[in-house]
């Protein structure tokens, strides 16, 4: 298990090419929050009177626990329900986590099938 640092992921895949690689859920949340900050939504995220961005973010994070085959459909429902001004966050999430960045021929999965 690792965070979302590309150098660490690449090194692990190079040294252990046949081993499954998992990324940390905490760091997953951090990567989304960093995107919220860079898109200029930090004040909206922390607004105690309007929690909609925080709710949408938490639902996006919960997609990590949905069966992989269902993620695109559920993400689409969520995106269609979200306010238009959140589209930069949804575009980032879709590109990096729903469609999945394919690295070295392997698409990353989610946490649904992990047995605790």
PDB file of N, CA and C in Angstrom:
ATOM      1  N   UNK A   1       0.848  -1.166   0.000  1.00  0.00           N
ATOM      2  CA  UNK A   1       0.000   0.000   0.000  1.00  0.00           C
ATOM      3  C   UNK A   1       0.896   1.232   0.000  1.00  0.00           C
ATOM      4  N   UNK A   2       0.464   2.230  -0.761  1.00  0.00           N
ATOM      5  CA  UNK A   2       1.250   3.451  -0.895  1.00  0.00           C
ATOM      6  C   UNK A   2       0.332   4.660  -0.976  1.00  0.00           C
ATOM      7  N   UNK A   3       0.951   5.833  -0.968  1.00  0.00           N
ATOM      8  CA  UNK A   3       0.161   7.030  -1.208  1.00  0.00           C
ATOM      9  C   UNK A   3       0.075   7.218  -2.725  1.00  0.00           C
ATOM     10  N   UNK A   4      -0.276   8.378  -3.193  1.00  0.00           N
ATOM     11  CA  UNK A   4      -0.474   8.589  -4.621  1.00  0.00           C
ATOM     12  C   UNK A   4       0.723   9.250  -5.299  1.00  0.00           C
ATOM     13  N   UNK A   5       1.910   9.100  -4.725  1.00  0.00           N
ATOM     14  CA  UNK A   5       3.116   9.659  -5.326  1.00  0.00           C
ATOM     15  C   UNK A   5       3.524   8.805  -6.521  1.00  0.00           C
ATOM     16  N   UNK A   6       3.618   9.448  -7.683  1.00  0.00           N
ATOM     17  CA  UNK A   6       3.930   8.709  -8.907  1.00  0.00           C
ATOM     18  C   UNK A   6       5.266   7.979  -8.832  1.00  0.00           C
ATOM     19  N   UNK A   7       6.263   8.603  -8.228  1.00  0.00           N
ATOM     20  CA  UNK A   7       7.588   7.976  -8.157  1.00  0.00           C
ATOM     21  C   UNK A   7       7.534   6.668  -7.375  1.00  0.00           C
ATOM     22  N   UNK A   8       6.815   6.656  -6.263  1.00  0.00           N
ATOM     23  CA  UNK A   8       6.708   5.437  -5.453  1.00  0.00           C
ATOM     24  C   UNK A   8       5.926   4.370  -6.206  1.00  0.00           C
ATOM     25  N   UNK A   9       4.827   4.775  -6.827  1.00  0.00           N
ATOM     26  CA  UNK A   9       4.010   3.825  -7.591  1.00  0.00           C
ATOM     27  C   UNK A   9       4.833   3.219  -8.720  1.00  0.00           C
ATOM     28  N   UNK A  10       5.536   4.064  -9.466  1.00  0.00           N
ATOM     29  CA  UNK A  10       6.356   3.569 -10.576  1.00  0.00           C
ATOM     30  C   UNK A  10       7.449   2.627 -10.086  1.00  0.00           C
ATOM     31  N   UNK A  11       8.094   2.970  -8.978  1.00  0.00           N
ATOM     32  CA  UNK A  11       9.156   2.119  -8.435  1.00  0.00           C
ATOM     33  C   UNK A  11       8.601   0.767  -7.998  1.00  0.00           C
ATOM     34  N   UNK A  12       7.465   0.768  -7.314  1.00  0.00           N
ATOM     35  CA  UNK A  12       6.856  -0.494  -6.869  1.00  0.00           C
ATOM     36  C   UNK A  12       6.464  -1.363  -8.057  1.00  0.00           C
ATOM     37  N   UNK A  13       5.897  -0.737  -9.090  1.00  0.00           N
ATOM     38  CA  UNK A  13       5.510  -1.506 -10.274  1.00  0.00           C
ATOM     39  C   UNK A  13       6.723  -2.044 -11.020  1.00  0.00           C
ATOM     40  N   UNK A  14       7.824  -1.313 -10.975  1.00  0.00           N
ATOM     41  CA  UNK A  14       9.049  -1.763 -11.638  1.00  0.00           C
ATOM     42  C   UNK A  14       9.680  -2.936 -10.889  1.00  0.00           C
ATOM     43  N   UNK A  15       9.754  -2.837  -9.577  1.00  0.00           N
ATOM     44  CA  UNK A  15      10.405  -3.867  -8.767  1.00  0.00           C
ATOM     45  C   UNK A  15       9.507  -5.084  -8.576  1.00  0.00           C
ATOM     46  N   UNK A  16       8.209  -4.861  -8.422  1.00  0.00           N
ATOM     47  CA  UNK A  16       7.244  -5.946  -8.175  1.00  0.00           C
ATOM     48  C   UNK A  16       6.151  -5.932  -9.244  1.00  0.00           C
ATOM     49  N   UNK A  17       6.474  -6.261 -10.495  1.00  0.00           N
ATOM     50  CA  UNK A  17       5.512  -6.103 -11.592  1.00  0.00           C
ATOM     51  C   UNK A  17       4.274  -7.001 -11.490  1.00  0.00           C
ATOM     52  N   UNK A  18       4.349  -8.103 -10.794  1.00  0.00           N
ATOM     53  CA  UNK A  18       3.210  -9.020 -10.706  1.00  0.00           C
ATOM     54  C   UNK A  18       2.423  -8.885  -9.411  1.00  0.00           C
ATOM     55  N   UNK A  19       2.775  -7.915  -8.593  1.00  0.00           N
ATOM     56  CA  UNK A  19       2.088  -7.718  -7.312  1.00  0.00           C
ATOM     57  C   UNK A  19       1.023  -6.638  -7.453  1.00  0.00           C
ATOM     58  N   UNK A  20      -0.139  -6.873  -6.850  1.00  0.00           N
ATOM     59  CA  UNK A  20      -1.165  -5.823  -6.892  1.00  0.00           C
ATOM     60  C   UNK A  20      -0.725  -4.632  -6.040  1.00  0.00           C
ATOM     61  N   UNK A  21      -1.027  -3.456  -6.508  1.00  0.00           N
ATOM     62  CA  UNK A  21      -0.650  -2.240  -5.798  1.00  0.00           C
ATOM     63  C   UNK A  21      -1.914  -1.530  -5.341  1.00  0.00           C
ATOM     64  N   UNK A  22      -1.968  -1.194  -4.074  1.00  0.00           N
ATOM     65  CA  UNK A  22      -3.109  -0.466  -3.522  1.00  0.00           C
ATOM     66  C   UNK A  22      -2.642   0.892  -3.040  1.00  0.00           C
ATOM     67  N   UNK A  23      -3.519   1.866  -3.180  1.00  0.00           N
ATOM     68  CA  UNK A  23      -3.223   3.203  -2.677  1.00  0.00           C
ATOM     69  C   UNK A  23      -4.100   3.487  -1.468  1.00  0.00           C
ATOM     70  N   UNK A  24      -3.597   4.275  -0.571  1.00  0.00           N
ATOM     71  CA  UNK A  24      -4.230   4.572   0.710  1.00  0.00           C
ATOM     72  C   UNK A  24      -5.470   5.458   0.541  1.00  0.00           C
ATOM     73  N   UNK A  25      -6.568   5.081   1.212  1.00  0.00           N
ATOM     74  CA  UNK A  25      -7.812   5.844   1.135  1.00  0.00           C
ATOM     75  C   UNK A  25      -7.630   7.256   1.696  1.00  0.00           C
ATOM     76  N   UNK A  26      -6.866   7.400   2.763  1.00  0.00           N
ATOM     77  CA  UNK A  26      -6.603   8.729   3.324  1.00  0.00           C
ATOM     78  C   UNK A  26      -5.935   9.622   2.281  1.00  0.00           C
ATOM     79  N   UNK A  27      -4.937   9.091   1.593  1.00  0.00           N
ATOM     80  CA  UNK A  27      -4.241   9.871   0.579  1.00  0.00           C
ATOM     81  C   UNK A  27      -5.124  10.123  -0.639  1.00  0.00           C
ATOM     82  N   UNK A  28      -6.050   9.228  -0.905  1.00  0.00           N
ATOM     83  CA  UNK A  28      -7.046   9.439  -1.956  1.00  0.00           C
ATOM     84  C   UNK A  28      -7.851  10.700  -1.627  1.00  0.00           C
ATOM     85  N   UNK A  29      -8.327  10.791  -0.394  1.00  0.00           N
ATOM     86  CA  UNK A  29      -9.063  11.975   0.044  1.00  0.00           C
ATOM     87  C   UNK A  29      -8.219  13.236  -0.038  1.00  0.00           C
ATOM     88  N   UNK A  30      -6.960  13.115   0.342  1.00  0.00           N
ATOM     89  CA  UNK A  30      -6.056  14.266   0.260  1.00  0.00           C
ATOM     90  C   UNK A  30      -5.877  14.734  -1.177  1.00  0.00           C
ATOM     91  N   UNK A  31      -5.774  13.803  -2.107  1.00  0.00           N
ATOM     92  CA  UNK A  31      -5.579  14.195  -3.505  1.00  0.00           C
ATOM     93  C   UNK A  31      -6.798  14.944  -4.036  1.00  0.00           C
ATOM     94  N   UNK A  32      -7.987  14.531  -3.614  1.00  0.00           N
ATOM     95  CA  UNK A  32      -9.200  15.229  -4.037  1.00  0.00           C
ATOM     96  C   UNK A  32      -9.242  16.617  -3.389  1.00  0.00           C
ATOM     97  N   UNK A  33      -8.904  16.692  -2.118  1.00  0.00           N
ATOM     98  CA  UNK A  33      -8.926  17.989  -1.431  1.00  0.00           C
ATOM     99  C   UNK A  33      -7.913  18.955  -2.039  1.00  0.00           C
ATOM    100  N   UNK A  34      -6.746  18.464  -2.427  1.00  0.00           N
ATOM    101  CA  UNK A  34      -5.760  19.329  -3.090  1.00  0.00           C
ATOM    102  C   UNK A  34      -6.319  19.873  -4.401  1.00  0.00           C
ATOM    103  N   UNK A  35      -7.078  19.048  -5.110  1.00  0.00           N
ATOM    104  CA  UNK A  35      -7.696  19.505  -6.350  1.00  0.00           C
ATOM    105  C   UNK A  35      -8.751  20.574  -6.064  1.00  0.00           C
ATOM    106  N   UNK A  36      -9.506  20.392  -4.994  1.00  0.00           N
ATOM    107  CA  UNK A  36     -10.499  21.390  -4.578  1.00  0.00           C
ATOM    108  C   UNK A  36      -9.800  22.720  -4.290  1.00  0.00           C
ATOM    109  N   UNK A  37      -8.674  22.649  -3.600  1.00  0.00           N
ATOM    110  CA  UNK A  37      -7.916  23.865  -3.294  1.00  0.00           C
ATOM    111  C   UNK A  37      -7.388  24.525  -4.563  1.00  0.00           C
ATOM    112  N   UNK A  38      -6.798  23.739  -5.459  1.00  0.00           N
ATOM    113  CA  UNK A  38      -6.204  24.325  -6.663  1.00  0.00           C
ATOM    114  C   UNK A  38      -7.258  24.878  -7.617  1.00  0.00           C
ATOM    115  N   UNK A  39      -8.484  24.364  -7.541  1.00  0.00           N
ATOM    116  CA  UNK A  39      -9.572  24.873  -8.382  1.00  0.00           C
ATOM    117  C   UNK A  39     -10.255  26.088  -7.747  1.00  0.00           C
ATOM    118  N   UNK A  40      -9.796  26.490  -6.549  1.00  0.00           N
ATOM    119  CA  UNK A  40     -10.348  27.668  -5.903  1.00  0.00           C
ATOM    120  C   UNK A  40     -11.629  27.433  -5.121  1.00  0.00           C
ATOM    121  N   UNK A  41     -11.873  26.184  -4.716  1.00  0.00           N
ATOM    122  CA  UNK A  41     -13.110  25.846  -4.010  1.00  0.00           C
ATOM    123  C   UNK A  41     -12.925  25.629  -2.508  1.00  0.00           C
ATOM    124  N   UNK A  42     -11.780  25.978  -1.948  1.00  0.00           N
ATOM    125  CA  UNK A  42     -11.543  25.695  -0.533  1.00  0.00           C
ATOM    126  C   UNK A  42     -12.541  26.417   0.366  1.00  0.00           C
ATOM    127  N   UNK A  43     -12.845  27.677   0.080  1.00  0.00           N
ATOM    128  CA  UNK A  43     -13.806  28.421   0.908  1.00  0.00           C
ATOM    129  C   UNK A  43     -15.186  27.775   0.830  1.00  0.00           C
ATOM    130  N   UNK A  44     -15.592  27.360  -0.363  1.00  0.00           N
ATOM    131  CA  UNK A  44     -16.896  26.697  -0.518  1.00  0.00           C
ATOM    132  C   UNK A  44     -16.911  25.364   0.217  1.00  0.00           C
ATOM    133  N   UNK A  45     -15.807  24.642   0.180  1.00  0.00           N
ATOM    134  CA  UNK A  45     -15.716  23.352   0.857  1.00  0.00           C
ATOM    135  C   UNK A  45     -15.859  23.519   2.368  1.00  0.00           C
ATOM    136  N   UNK A  46     -15.302  24.585   2.913  1.00  0.00           N
ATOM    137  CA  UNK A  46     -15.320  24.816   4.358  1.00  0.00           C
ATOM    138  C   UNK A  46     -16.493  25.669   4.834  1.00  0.00           C
ATOM    139  N   UNK A  47     -17.381  26.063   3.926  1.00  0.00           N
ATOM    140  CA  UNK A  47     -18.522  26.909   4.280  1.00  0.00           C
ATOM    141  C   UNK A  47     -19.508  26.136   5.154  1.00  0.00           C
ATOM    142  N   UNK A  48     -19.711  26.562   6.415  1.00  0.00           N
ATOM    143  CA  UNK A  48     -20.621  25.823   7.300  1.00  0.00           C
ATOM    144  C   UNK A  48     -22.094  25.973   6.919  1.00  0.00           C
ATOM    145  N   UNK A  49     -22.420  26.989   6.117  1.00  0.00           N
ATOM    146  CA  UNK A  49     -23.811  27.207   5.723  1.00  0.00           C
ATOM    147  C   UNK A  49     -24.196  26.472   4.445  1.00  0.00           C
ATOM    148  N   UNK A  50     -23.224  26.067   3.663  1.00  0.00           N
ATOM    149  CA  UNK A  50     -23.497  25.332   2.421  1.00  0.00           C
ATOM    150  C   UNK A  50     -22.526  24.158   2.346  1.00  0.00           C
ATOM    151  N   UNK A  51     -23.003  23.002   2.689  1.00  0.00           N
ATOM    152  CA  UNK A  51     -22.140  21.819   2.768  1.00  0.00           C
ATOM    153  C   UNK A  51     -22.200  20.971   1.498  1.00  0.00           C
ATOM    154  N   UNK A  52     -22.777  21.504   0.421  1.00  0.00           N
ATOM    155  CA  UNK A  52     -22.982  20.691  -0.778  1.00  0.00           C
ATOM    156  C   UNK A  52     -21.675  20.179  -1.378  1.00  0.00           C
ATOM    157  N   UNK A  53     -20.649  21.017  -1.469  1.00  0.00           N
ATOM    158  CA  UNK A  53     -19.379  20.555  -2.038  1.00  0.00           C
ATOM    159  C   UNK A  53     -18.776  19.449  -1.186  1.00  0.00           C
ATOM    160  N   UNK A  54     -18.846  19.596   0.125  1.00  0.00           N
ATOM    161  CA  UNK A  54     -18.305  18.570   1.018  1.00  0.00           C
ATOM    162  C   UNK A  54     -19.076  17.260   0.850  1.00  0.00           C
ATOM    163  N   UNK A  55     -20.396  17.355   0.705  1.00  0.00           N
ATOM    164  CA  UNK A  55     -21.222  16.158   0.517  1.00  0.00           C
ATOM    165  C   UNK A  55     -20.870  15.471  -0.800  1.00  0.00           C
ATOM    166  N   UNK A  56     -20.781  16.236  -1.886  1.00  0.00           N
ATOM    167  CA  UNK A  56     -20.421  15.643  -3.179  1.00  0.00           C
ATOM    168  C   UNK A  56     -19.027  15.015  -3.125  1.00  0.00           C
ATOM    169  N   UNK A  57     -18.102  15.666  -2.452  1.00  0.00           N
ATOM    170  CA  UNK A  57     -16.752  15.121  -2.323  1.00  0.00           C
ATOM    171  C   UNK A  57     -16.764  13.796  -1.573  1.00  0.00           C
ATOM    172  N   UNK A  58     -17.503  13.724  -0.492  1.00  0.00           N
ATOM    173  CA  UNK A  58     -17.562  12.485   0.286  1.00  0.00           C
ATOM    174  C   UNK A  58     -18.234  11.364  -0.503  1.00  0.00           C
ATOM    175  N   UNK A  59     -19.227  11.708  -1.304  1.00  0.00           N
ATOM    176  CA  UNK A  59     -19.857  10.684  -2.149  1.00  0.00           C
ATOM    177  C   UNK A  59     -18.863  10.195  -3.201  1.00  0.00           C
ATOM    178  N   UNK A  60     -18.092  11.116  -3.788  1.00  0.00           N
ATOM    179  CA  UNK A  60     -17.070  10.694  -4.755  1.00  0.00           C
ATOM    180  C   UNK A  60     -16.065   9.755  -4.099  1.00  0.00           C
ATOM    181  N   UNK A  61     -15.647  10.077  -2.879  1.00  0.00           N
ATOM    182  CA  UNK A  61     -14.703   9.214  -2.171  1.00  0.00           C
ATOM    183  C   UNK A  61     -15.313   7.842  -1.892  1.00  0.00           C
ATOM    184  N   UNK A  62     -16.606   7.797  -1.630  1.00  0.00           N
ATOM    185  CA  UNK A  62     -17.282   6.528  -1.350  1.00  0.00           C
ATOM    186  C   UNK A  62     -17.315   5.616  -2.571  1.00  0.00           C
ATOM    187  N   UNK A  63     -17.100   6.169  -3.755  1.00  0.00           N
ATOM    188  CA  UNK A  63     -17.058   5.333  -4.959  1.00  0.00           C
ATOM    189  C   UNK A  63     -15.936   4.298  -4.892  1.00  0.00           C
ATOM    190  N   UNK A  64     -14.955   4.511  -4.037  1.00  0.00           N
ATOM    191  CA  UNK A  64     -13.870   3.538  -3.865  1.00  0.00           C
ATOM    192  C   UNK A  64     -14.392   2.209  -3.336  1.00  0.00           C
ATOM    193  N   UNK A  65     -15.584   2.212  -2.748  1.00  0.00           N
ATOM    194  CA  UNK A  65     -16.145   1.008  -2.143  1.00  0.00           C
ATOM    195  C   UNK A  65     -17.279   0.402  -2.960  1.00  0.00           C
ATOM    196  N   UNK A  66     -17.507   0.926  -4.141  1.00  0.00           N
ATOM    197  CA  UNK A  66     -18.562   0.450  -5.038  1.00  0.00           C
ATOM    198  C   UNK A  66     -17.950  -0.596  -5.972  1.00  0.00           C
ATOM    199  N   UNK A  67     -18.714  -1.635  -6.352  1.00  0.00           N
ATOM    200  CA  UNK A  67     -18.178  -2.590  -7.333  1.00  0.00           C
ATOM    201  C   UNK A  67     -17.669  -1.850  -8.576  1.00  0.00           C
ATOM    202  N   UNK A  68     -16.508  -2.223  -9.039  1.00  0.00           N
ATOM    203  CA  UNK A  68     -15.825  -1.518 -10.121  1.00  0.00           C
ATOM    204  C   UNK A  68     -16.704  -1.322 -11.353  1.00  0.00           C
ATOM    205  N   UNK A  69     -17.488  -2.317 -11.710  1.00  0.00           N
ATOM    206  CA  UNK A  69     -18.342  -2.218 -12.897  1.00  0.00           C
ATOM    207  C   UNK A  69     -19.429  -1.156 -12.744  1.00  0.00           C
ATOM    208  N   UNK A  70     -19.784  -0.819 -11.520  1.00  0.00           N
ATOM    209  CA  UNK A  70     -20.850   0.152 -11.264  1.00  0.00           C
ATOM    210  C   UNK A  70     -20.346   1.590 -11.140  1.00  0.00           C
ATOM    211  N   UNK A  71     -19.057   1.779 -10.984  1.00  0.00           N
ATOM    212  CA  UNK A  71     -18.511   3.114 -10.729  1.00  0.00           C
ATOM    213  C   UNK A  71     -18.868   4.117 -11.827  1.00  0.00           C
ATOM    214  N   UNK A  72     -18.676   3.821 -13.117  1.00  0.00           N
ATOM    215  CA  UNK A  72     -19.010   4.832 -14.134  1.00  0.00           C
ATOM    216  C   UNK A  72     -20.478   5.253 -14.105  1.00  0.00           C
ATOM    217  N   UNK A  73     -21.377   4.311 -13.921  1.00  0.00           N
ATOM    218  CA  UNK A  73     -22.807   4.632 -13.902  1.00  0.00           C
ATOM    219  C   UNK A  73     -23.151   5.507 -12.703  1.00  0.00           C
ATOM    220  N   UNK A  74     -22.667   5.141 -11.537  1.00  0.00           N
ATOM    221  CA  UNK A  74     -22.981   5.900 -10.329  1.00  0.00           C
ATOM    222  C   UNK A  74     -22.310   7.274 -10.378  1.00  0.00           C
ATOM    223  N   UNK A  75     -21.097   7.327 -10.887  1.00  0.00           N
ATOM    224  CA  UNK A  75     -20.426   8.621 -11.037  1.00  0.00           C
ATOM    225  C   UNK A  75     -21.223   9.528 -11.967  1.00  0.00           C
ATOM    226  N   UNK A  76     -21.721   8.980 -13.057  1.00  0.00           N
ATOM    227  CA  UNK A  76     -22.515   9.763 -14.005  1.00  0.00           C
ATOM    228  C   UNK A  76     -23.773  10.326 -13.349  1.00  0.00           C
ATOM    229  N   UNK A  77     -24.443   9.514 -12.536  1.00  0.00           N
ATOM    230  CA  UNK A  77     -25.624   9.995 -11.809  1.00  0.00           C
ATOM    231  C   UNK A  77     -25.246  11.144 -10.878  1.00  0.00           C
ATOM    232  N   UNK A  78     -24.156  10.983 -10.178  1.00  0.00           N
ATOM    233  CA  UNK A  78     -23.693  12.013  -9.251  1.00  0.00           C
ATOM    234  C   UNK A  78     -23.322  13.292  -9.999  1.00  0.00           C
ATOM    235  N   UNK A  79     -22.599  13.146 -11.090  1.00  0.00           N
ATOM    236  CA  UNK A  79     -22.173  14.307 -11.869  1.00  0.00           C
ATOM    237  C   UNK A  79     -23.373  15.057 -12.448  1.00  0.00           C
ATOM    238  N   UNK A  80     -24.376  14.326 -12.925  1.00  0.00           N
ATOM    239  CA  UNK A  80     -25.568  14.959 -13.487  1.00  0.00           C
ATOM    240  C   UNK A  80     -26.371  15.707 -12.435  1.00  0.00           C
ATOM    241  N   UNK A  81     -26.270  15.286 -11.185  1.00  0.00           N
ATOM    242  CA  UNK A  81     -27.001  15.917 -10.087  1.00  0.00           C
ATOM    243  C   UNK A  81     -26.261  17.124  -9.511  1.00  0.00           C
ATOM    244  N   UNK A  82     -24.971  17.208  -9.746  1.00  0.00           N
ATOM    245  CA  UNK A  82     -24.132  18.245  -9.125  1.00  0.00           C
ATOM    246  C   UNK A  82     -24.299  19.598  -9.816  1.00  0.00           C
ATOM    247  N   UNK A  83     -24.079  20.677  -9.079  1.00  0.00           N
ATOM    248  CA  UNK A  83     -24.102  22.012  -9.685  1.00  0.00           C
ATOM    249  C   UNK A  83     -23.025  22.137 -10.767  1.00  0.00           C
ATOM    250  N   UNK A  84     -23.327  22.880 -11.805  1.00  0.00           N
ATOM    251  CA  UNK A  84     -22.426  23.041 -12.952  1.00  0.00           C
ATOM    252  C   UNK A  84     -21.066  23.613 -12.558  1.00  0.00           C
ATOM    253  N   UNK A  85     -21.027  24.485 -11.558  1.00  0.00           N
ATOM    254  CA  UNK A  85     -19.751  25.110 -11.196  1.00  0.00           C
ATOM    255  C   UNK A  85     -18.743  24.126 -10.600  1.00  0.00           C
ATOM    256  N   UNK A  86     -19.195  22.928 -10.248  1.00  0.00           N
ATOM    257  CA  UNK A  86     -18.278  21.909  -9.724  1.00  0.00           C
ATOM    258  C   UNK A  86     -17.650  21.065 -10.831  1.00  0.00           C
ATOM    259  N   UNK A  87     -17.939  21.391 -12.086  1.00  0.00           N
ATOM    260  CA  UNK A  87     -17.444  20.569 -13.192  1.00  0.00           C
ATOM    261  C   UNK A  87     -15.925  20.379 -13.199  1.00  0.00           C
ATOM    262  N   UNK A  88     -15.091  21.365 -12.804  1.00  0.00           N
ATOM    263  CA  UNK A  88     -13.641  21.088 -12.788  1.00  0.00           C
ATOM    264  C   UNK A  88     -13.261  19.943 -11.844  1.00  0.00           C
ATOM    265  N   UNK A  89     -13.940  19.848 -10.714  1.00  0.00           N
ATOM    266  CA  UNK A  89     -13.660  18.777  -9.755  1.00  0.00           C
ATOM    267  C   UNK A  89     -14.087  17.440 -10.344  1.00  0.00           C
ATOM    268  N   UNK A  90     -15.264  17.404 -10.958  1.00  0.00           N
ATOM    269  CA  UNK A  90     -15.759  16.167 -11.547  1.00  0.00           C
ATOM    270  C   UNK A  90     -14.911  15.728 -12.735  1.00  0.00           C
ATOM    271  N   UNK A  91     -14.446  16.684 -13.540  1.00  0.00           N
ATOM    272  CA  UNK A  91     -13.585  16.338 -14.677  1.00  0.00           C
ATOM    273  C   UNK A  91     -12.274  15.718 -14.197  1.00  0.00           C
ATOM    274  N   UNK A  92     -11.682  16.313 -13.174  1.00  0.00           N
ATOM    275  CA  UNK A  92     -10.446  15.769 -12.606  1.00  0.00           C
ATOM    276  C   UNK A  92     -10.683  14.359 -12.073  1.00  0.00           C
ATOM    277  N   UNK A  93     -11.748  14.197 -11.311  1.00  0.00           N
ATOM    278  CA  UNK A  93     -12.041  12.902 -10.696  1.00  0.00           C
ATOM    279  C   UNK A  93     -12.300  11.842 -11.766  1.00  0.00           C
ATOM    280  N   UNK A  94     -13.073  12.210 -12.782  1.00  0.00           N
ATOM    281  CA  UNK A  94     -13.378  11.250 -13.844  1.00  0.00           C
ATOM    282  C   UNK A  94     -12.115  10.828 -14.586  1.00  0.00           C
ATOM    283  N   UNK A  95     -11.291  11.797 -14.944  1.00  0.00           N
ATOM    284  CA  UNK A  95     -10.061  11.495 -15.688  1.00  0.00           C
ATOM    285  C   UNK A  95      -9.118  10.610 -14.886  1.00  0.00           C
ATOM    286  N   UNK A  96      -8.955  10.915 -13.605  1.00  0.00           N
ATOM    287  CA  UNK A  96      -7.950  10.228 -12.797  1.00  0.00           C
ATOM    288  C   UNK A  96      -8.440   8.991 -12.070  1.00  0.00           C
ATOM    289  N   UNK A  97      -9.741   8.916 -11.782  1.00  0.00           N
ATOM    290  CA  UNK A  97     -10.215   7.815 -10.941  1.00  0.00           C
ATOM    291  C   UNK A  97     -11.346   6.991 -11.540  1.00  0.00           C
ATOM    292  N   UNK A  98     -12.182   7.584 -12.383  1.00  0.00           N
ATOM    293  CA  UNK A  98     -13.287   6.813 -12.958  1.00  0.00           C
ATOM    294  C   UNK A  98     -12.824   6.129 -14.236  1.00  0.00           C
ATOM    295  N   UNK A  99     -12.330   6.925 -15.171  1.00  0.00           N
ATOM    296  CA  UNK A  99     -11.802   6.330 -16.396  1.00  0.00           C
ATOM    297  C   UNK A  99     -10.509   5.607 -16.087  1.00  0.00           C
ATOM    298  N   UNK A 100      -9.782   6.132 -15.144  1.00  0.00           N
ATOM    299  CA  UNK A 100      -8.562   5.491 -14.676  1.00  0.00           C
ATOM    300  C   UNK A 100      -7.384   5.792 -15.558  1.00  0.00           C
ATOM    301  N   UNK A 101      -6.355   6.266 -14.947  1.00  0.00           N
ATOM    302  CA  UNK A 101      -5.102   6.466 -15.655  1.00  0.00           C
ATOM    303  C   UNK A 101      -4.452   5.100 -15.762  1.00  0.00           C
ATOM    304  N   UNK A 102      -4.218   4.669 -16.966  1.00  0.00           N
ATOM    305  CA  UNK A 102      -3.622   3.353 -17.173  1.00  0.00           C
ATOM    306  C   UNK A 102      -2.104   3.510 -17.166  1.00  0.00           C
ATOM    307  N   UNK A 103      -1.489   2.829 -16.242  1.00  0.00           N
ATOM    308  CA  UNK A 103      -0.031   2.888 -16.110  1.00  0.00           C
ATOM    309  C   UNK A 103       0.550   1.522 -16.431  1.00  0.00           C
ATOM    310  N   UNK A 104       1.428   1.499 -17.394  1.00  0.00           N
ATOM    311  CA  UNK A 104       2.098   0.253 -17.778  1.00  0.00           C
ATOM    312  C   UNK A 104       1.108  -0.869 -18.070  1.00  0.00           C
ATOM    313  N   UNK A 105       0.019  -0.510 -18.742  1.00  0.00           N
ATOM    314  CA  UNK A 105      -0.948  -1.517 -19.158  1.00  0.00           C
ATOM    315  C   UNK A 105      -1.901  -1.981 -18.083  1.00  0.00           C
ATOM    316  N   UNK A 106      -1.796  -1.395 -16.874  1.00  0.00           N
ATOM    317  CA  UNK A 106      -2.673  -1.828 -15.783  1.00  0.00           C
ATOM    318  C   UNK A 106      -3.529  -0.665 -15.320  1.00  0.00           C
ATOM    319  N   UNK A 107      -4.835  -0.912 -15.253  1.00  0.00           N
ATOM    320  CA  UNK A 107      -5.756   0.089 -14.732  1.00  0.00           C
ATOM    321  C   UNK A 107      -5.942  -0.184 -13.254  1.00  0.00           C
ATOM    322  N   UNK A 108      -5.911   0.852 -12.465  1.00  0.00           N
ATOM    323  CA  UNK A 108      -6.078   0.691 -11.028  1.00  0.00           C
ATOM    324  C   UNK A 108      -7.532   0.402 -10.696  1.00  0.00           C
ATOM    325  N   UNK A 109      -7.747  -0.480  -9.736  1.00  0.00           N
ATOM    326  CA  UNK A 109      -9.088  -0.819  -9.300  1.00  0.00           C
ATOM    327  C   UNK A 109      -9.530   0.038  -8.133  1.00  0.00           C
ATOM    328  N   UNK A 110     -10.530  -0.459  -7.403  1.00  0.00           N
ATOM    329  CA  UNK A 110     -10.981   0.270  -6.222  1.00  0.00           C
ATOM    330  C   UNK A 110     -10.925  -0.646  -5.011  1.00  0.00           C
ATOM    331  N   UNK A 111     -11.523  -0.223  -3.918  1.00  0.00           N
ATOM    332  CA  UNK A 111     -11.408  -0.960  -2.661  1.00  0.00           C
ATOM    333  C   UNK A 111     -12.518  -1.974  -2.436  1.00  0.00           C
ATOM    334  N   UNK A 112     -13.489  -2.053  -3.341  1.00  0.00           N
ATOM    335  CA  UNK A 112     -14.665  -2.893  -3.112  1.00  0.00           C
ATOM    336  C   UNK A 112     -14.316  -4.349  -2.841  1.00  0.00           C
ATOM    337  N   UNK A 113     -13.382  -4.900  -3.573  1.00  0.00           N
ATOM    338  CA  UNK A 113     -13.086  -6.331  -3.457  1.00  0.00           C
ATOM    339  C   UNK A 113     -12.048  -6.679  -2.397  1.00  0.00           C
ATOM    340  N   UNK A 114     -11.572  -5.699  -1.660  1.00  0.00           N
ATOM    341  CA  UNK A 114     -10.594  -5.983  -0.610  1.00  0.00           C
ATOM    342  C   UNK A 114     -11.300  -6.596   0.586  1.00  0.00           C
ATOM    343  N   UNK A 115     -10.789  -7.709   1.052  1.00  0.00           N
ATOM    344  CA  UNK A 115     -11.352  -8.381   2.220  1.00  0.00           C
ATOM    345  C   UNK A 115     -10.566  -7.935   3.442  1.00  0.00           C
ATOM    346  N   UNK A 116     -11.271  -7.423   4.447  1.00  0.00           N
ATOM    347  CA  UNK A 116     -10.598  -6.966   5.666  1.00  0.00           C
ATOM    348  C   UNK A 116     -10.517  -8.079   6.679  1.00  0.00           C
TER     349      UNK A 116
END
